[in-house]
Amino acid sequence: MDIKVIGTGCEKCGKLYDNVLEALKELGVEEKVERVDDLLEIVKLGVMTAPSLMVDGKLVVSGRIAKVDEIKRFLK
């Protein structure tokens, strides 16, 4: 599974990253979560708002902090 938390390192981006890690922990899944904070990489991914979450190349959350339970649904 390819999981990316996308944003420029703001507090909201950090919270989304933490929520993703918690969701993985609750699911009992060990996966690497990539933080994408380089502006050029963000543009290449086609993301216009932060924070965002991409799972297997699909943008599933954009411009907000998703709750742990919501993230778990995306990761199942």
N, C-alpha and C. Protein backbone atom coordinates (compact mmCIF):
# COMPACT_ATOMS: atom_id res chain seq x y z
N MET A 1 0.85 -1.17 0.00
CA MET A 1 0.00 0.00 0.00
C MET A 1 0.90 1.24 0.00
N ASP A 2 0.56 2.21 -0.83
CA ASP A 2 1.31 3.45 -0.93
C ASP A 2 0.49 4.56 -0.27
N ILE A 3 0.97 5.06 0.87
CA ILE A 3 0.24 6.07 1.64
C ILE A 3 1.08 7.33 1.70
N LYS A 4 0.46 8.45 1.29
CA LYS A 4 1.17 9.74 1.32
C LYS A 4 0.33 10.77 2.04
N VAL A 5 0.94 11.46 3.01
CA VAL A 5 0.33 12.63 3.64
C VAL A 5 1.00 13.83 2.99
N ILE A 6 0.18 14.67 2.39
CA ILE A 6 0.69 15.75 1.55
C ILE A 6 0.40 17.10 2.19
N GLY A 7 1.43 17.91 2.32
CA GLY A 7 1.30 19.25 2.87
C GLY A 7 2.66 19.84 3.15
N THR A 8 2.69 21.11 3.42
CA THR A 8 3.95 21.83 3.56
C THR A 8 4.51 21.83 4.98
N GLY A 9 4.01 20.94 5.82
CA GLY A 9 4.56 20.83 7.16
C GLY A 9 3.82 21.64 8.21
N CYS A 10 2.61 22.05 7.90
CA CYS A 10 1.82 22.85 8.85
C CYS A 10 1.30 21.96 9.98
N GLU A 11 0.72 22.57 10.99
CA GLU A 11 0.19 21.83 12.14
C GLU A 11 -0.90 20.85 11.71
N LYS A 12 -1.77 21.27 10.79
CA LYS A 12 -2.85 20.41 10.31
C LYS A 12 -2.28 19.19 9.58
N CYS A 13 -1.22 19.39 8.83
CA CYS A 13 -0.58 18.28 8.12
C CYS A 13 -0.02 17.27 9.12
N GLY A 14 0.58 17.77 10.19
CA GLY A 14 1.11 16.90 11.23
C GLY A 14 0.01 16.11 11.91
N LYS A 15 -1.13 16.74 12.14
CA LYS A 15 -2.25 16.05 12.79
C LYS A 15 -2.81 14.95 11.88
N LEU A 16 -2.91 15.23 10.57
CA LEU A 16 -3.37 14.21 9.63
C LEU A 16 -2.40 13.03 9.62
N TYR A 17 -1.12 13.32 9.62
CA TYR A 17 -0.09 12.27 9.66
C TYR A 17 -0.25 11.40 10.91
N ASP A 18 -0.43 12.05 12.06
CA ASP A 18 -0.63 11.32 13.31
C ASP A 18 -1.88 10.45 13.26
N ASN A 19 -2.95 10.97 12.67
CA ASN A 19 -4.20 10.21 12.55
C ASN A 19 -4.02 8.99 11.65
N VAL A 20 -3.24 9.14 10.59
CA VAL A 20 -2.96 8.00 9.70
C VAL A 20 -2.20 6.92 10.46
N LEU A 21 -1.19 7.33 11.22
CA LEU A 21 -0.41 6.36 12.00
C LEU A 21 -1.30 5.65 13.02
N GLU A 22 -2.20 6.39 13.66
CA GLU A 22 -3.11 5.78 14.64
C GLU A 22 -4.06 4.80 13.96
N ALA A 23 -4.56 5.17 12.79
CA ALA A 23 -5.46 4.28 12.05
C ALA A 23 -4.76 2.98 11.68
N LEU A 24 -3.53 3.07 11.23
CA LEU A 24 -2.76 1.87 10.90
C LEU A 24 -2.54 1.00 12.13
N LYS A 25 -2.23 1.65 13.24
CA LYS A 25 -2.01 0.92 14.49
C LYS A 25 -3.28 0.18 14.91
N GLU A 26 -4.43 0.87 14.85
CA GLU A 26 -5.69 0.26 15.25
C GLU A 26 -6.08 -0.91 14.33
N LEU A 27 -5.68 -0.82 13.06
CA LEU A 27 -5.96 -1.89 12.11
C LEU A 27 -4.95 -3.04 12.22
N GLY A 28 -3.86 -2.80 12.95
CA GLY A 28 -2.82 -3.81 13.08
C GLY A 28 -2.02 -3.99 11.80
N VAL A 29 -1.89 -2.92 11.04
CA VAL A 29 -1.19 -2.95 9.76
C VAL A 29 0.10 -2.14 9.87
N GLU A 30 1.18 -2.73 9.38
CA GLU A 30 2.45 -2.01 9.35
C GLU A 30 2.72 -1.57 7.92
N GLU A 31 2.64 -0.29 7.70
CA GLU A 31 2.91 0.29 6.38
C GLU A 31 3.72 1.56 6.57
N LYS A 32 4.54 1.86 5.60
CA LYS A 32 5.30 3.10 5.60
C LYS A 32 4.36 4.22 5.15
N VAL A 33 4.43 5.34 5.85
CA VAL A 33 3.65 6.52 5.48
C VAL A 33 4.64 7.59 5.05
N GLU A 34 4.51 8.02 3.81
CA GLU A 34 5.41 9.03 3.27
C GLU A 34 4.83 10.42 3.49
N ARG A 35 5.67 11.33 3.96
CA ARG A 35 5.27 12.73 4.09
C ARG A 35 5.82 13.47 2.88
N VAL A 36 4.93 14.09 2.14
CA VAL A 36 5.34 14.85 0.96
C VAL A 36 5.17 16.33 1.30
N ASP A 37 6.31 17.02 1.49
CA ASP A 37 6.24 18.43 1.84
C ASP A 37 6.99 19.34 0.87
N ASP A 38 7.58 18.74 -0.15
CA ASP A 38 8.26 19.52 -1.18
C ASP A 38 7.23 20.06 -2.16
N LEU A 39 7.21 21.37 -2.35
CA LEU A 39 6.20 22.01 -3.17
C LEU A 39 6.16 21.47 -4.60
N LEU A 40 7.31 21.20 -5.18
CA LEU A 40 7.35 20.67 -6.55
C LEU A 40 6.72 19.27 -6.61
N GLU A 41 7.00 18.44 -5.61
CA GLU A 41 6.40 17.11 -5.57
C GLU A 41 4.89 17.20 -5.38
N ILE A 42 4.45 18.13 -4.55
CA ILE A 42 3.01 18.32 -4.32
C ILE A 42 2.32 18.69 -5.63
N VAL A 43 2.92 19.60 -6.37
CA VAL A 43 2.36 20.01 -7.67
C VAL A 43 2.35 18.84 -8.64
N LYS A 44 3.42 18.05 -8.68
CA LYS A 44 3.48 16.88 -9.56
C LYS A 44 2.36 15.89 -9.27
N LEU A 45 1.98 15.79 -7.97
CA LEU A 45 0.90 14.88 -7.58
C LEU A 45 -0.48 15.46 -7.93
N GLY A 46 -0.51 16.74 -8.30
CA GLY A 46 -1.77 17.37 -8.67
C GLY A 46 -2.62 17.80 -7.49
N VAL A 47 -1.99 17.96 -6.34
CA VAL A 47 -2.71 18.34 -5.13
C VAL A 47 -2.68 19.86 -4.98
N MET A 48 -3.86 20.44 -4.74
CA MET A 48 -3.96 21.89 -4.65
C MET A 48 -4.23 22.40 -3.24
N THR A 49 -4.67 21.52 -2.33
CA THR A 49 -4.95 21.95 -0.97
C THR A 49 -4.29 21.01 0.03
N ALA A 50 -3.95 21.59 1.17
CA ALA A 50 -3.31 20.80 2.22
C ALA A 50 -4.12 20.95 3.50
N PRO A 51 -4.09 19.98 4.35
CA PRO A 51 -3.43 18.69 4.17
C PRO A 51 -4.25 17.76 3.29
N SER A 52 -3.60 16.81 2.68
CA SER A 52 -4.27 15.83 1.84
C SER A 52 -3.70 14.45 2.12
N LEU A 53 -4.51 13.44 1.79
CA LEU A 53 -4.10 12.06 1.97
C LEU A 53 -4.31 11.32 0.66
N MET A 54 -3.27 10.63 0.23
CA MET A 54 -3.32 9.84 -1.00
C MET A 54 -3.03 8.39 -0.64
N VAL A 55 -3.90 7.48 -1.11
CA VAL A 55 -3.71 6.05 -0.87
C VAL A 55 -3.69 5.36 -2.23
N ASP A 56 -2.58 4.69 -2.50
CA ASP A 56 -2.39 3.98 -3.77
C ASP A 56 -2.68 4.86 -4.98
N GLY A 57 -2.18 6.10 -4.93
CA GLY A 57 -2.31 7.02 -6.05
C GLY A 57 -3.65 7.73 -6.16
N LYS A 58 -4.56 7.46 -5.25
CA LYS A 58 -5.88 8.08 -5.29
C LYS A 58 -6.01 9.08 -4.14
N LEU A 59 -6.39 10.31 -4.47
CA LEU A 59 -6.59 11.35 -3.46
C LEU A 59 -7.89 11.06 -2.72
N VAL A 60 -7.80 10.75 -1.42
CA VAL A 60 -8.98 10.37 -0.65
C VAL A 60 -9.42 11.44 0.34
N VAL A 61 -8.52 12.33 0.71
CA VAL A 61 -8.84 13.45 1.60
C VAL A 61 -8.09 14.67 1.08
N SER A 62 -8.79 15.80 1.02
CA SER A 62 -8.15 17.00 0.52
C SER A 62 -8.63 18.22 1.30
N GLY A 63 -7.68 18.96 1.85
CA GLY A 63 -7.98 20.22 2.49
C GLY A 63 -8.56 20.14 3.89
N ARG A 64 -8.41 18.98 4.54
CA ARG A 64 -8.94 18.86 5.90
C ARG A 64 -8.23 17.73 6.64
N ILE A 65 -8.47 17.69 7.95
CA ILE A 65 -7.91 16.62 8.78
C ILE A 65 -8.98 15.54 8.91
N ALA A 66 -8.71 14.38 8.35
CA ALA A 66 -9.64 13.25 8.46
C ALA A 66 -9.49 12.61 9.83
N LYS A 67 -10.61 12.14 10.36
CA LYS A 67 -10.60 11.45 11.65
C LYS A 67 -10.07 10.03 11.46
N VAL A 68 -9.61 9.45 12.55
CA VAL A 68 -9.00 8.12 12.53
C VAL A 68 -9.96 7.09 11.93
N ASP A 69 -11.23 7.09 12.36
CA ASP A 69 -12.19 6.10 11.86
C ASP A 69 -12.40 6.23 10.35
N GLU A 70 -12.42 7.45 9.85
CA GLU A 70 -12.56 7.67 8.41
C GLU A 70 -11.35 7.13 7.66
N ILE A 71 -10.18 7.39 8.17
CA ILE A 71 -8.94 6.93 7.54
C ILE A 71 -8.90 5.40 7.52
N LYS A 72 -9.36 4.77 8.58
CA LYS A 72 -9.40 3.31 8.63
C LYS A 72 -10.22 2.74 7.49
N ARG A 73 -11.31 3.40 7.13
CA ARG A 73 -12.14 2.93 6.01
C ARG A 73 -11.36 3.00 4.70
N PHE A 74 -10.56 4.04 4.53
CA PHE A 74 -9.78 4.17 3.29
C PHE A 74 -8.68 3.12 3.21
N LEU A 75 -8.20 2.68 4.36
CA LEU A 75 -7.05 1.77 4.39
C LEU A 75 -7.44 0.30 4.36
N LYS A 76 -8.70 0.00 4.52
CA LYS A 76 -9.15 -1.41 4.52
C LYS A 76 -9.16 -1.97 3.11
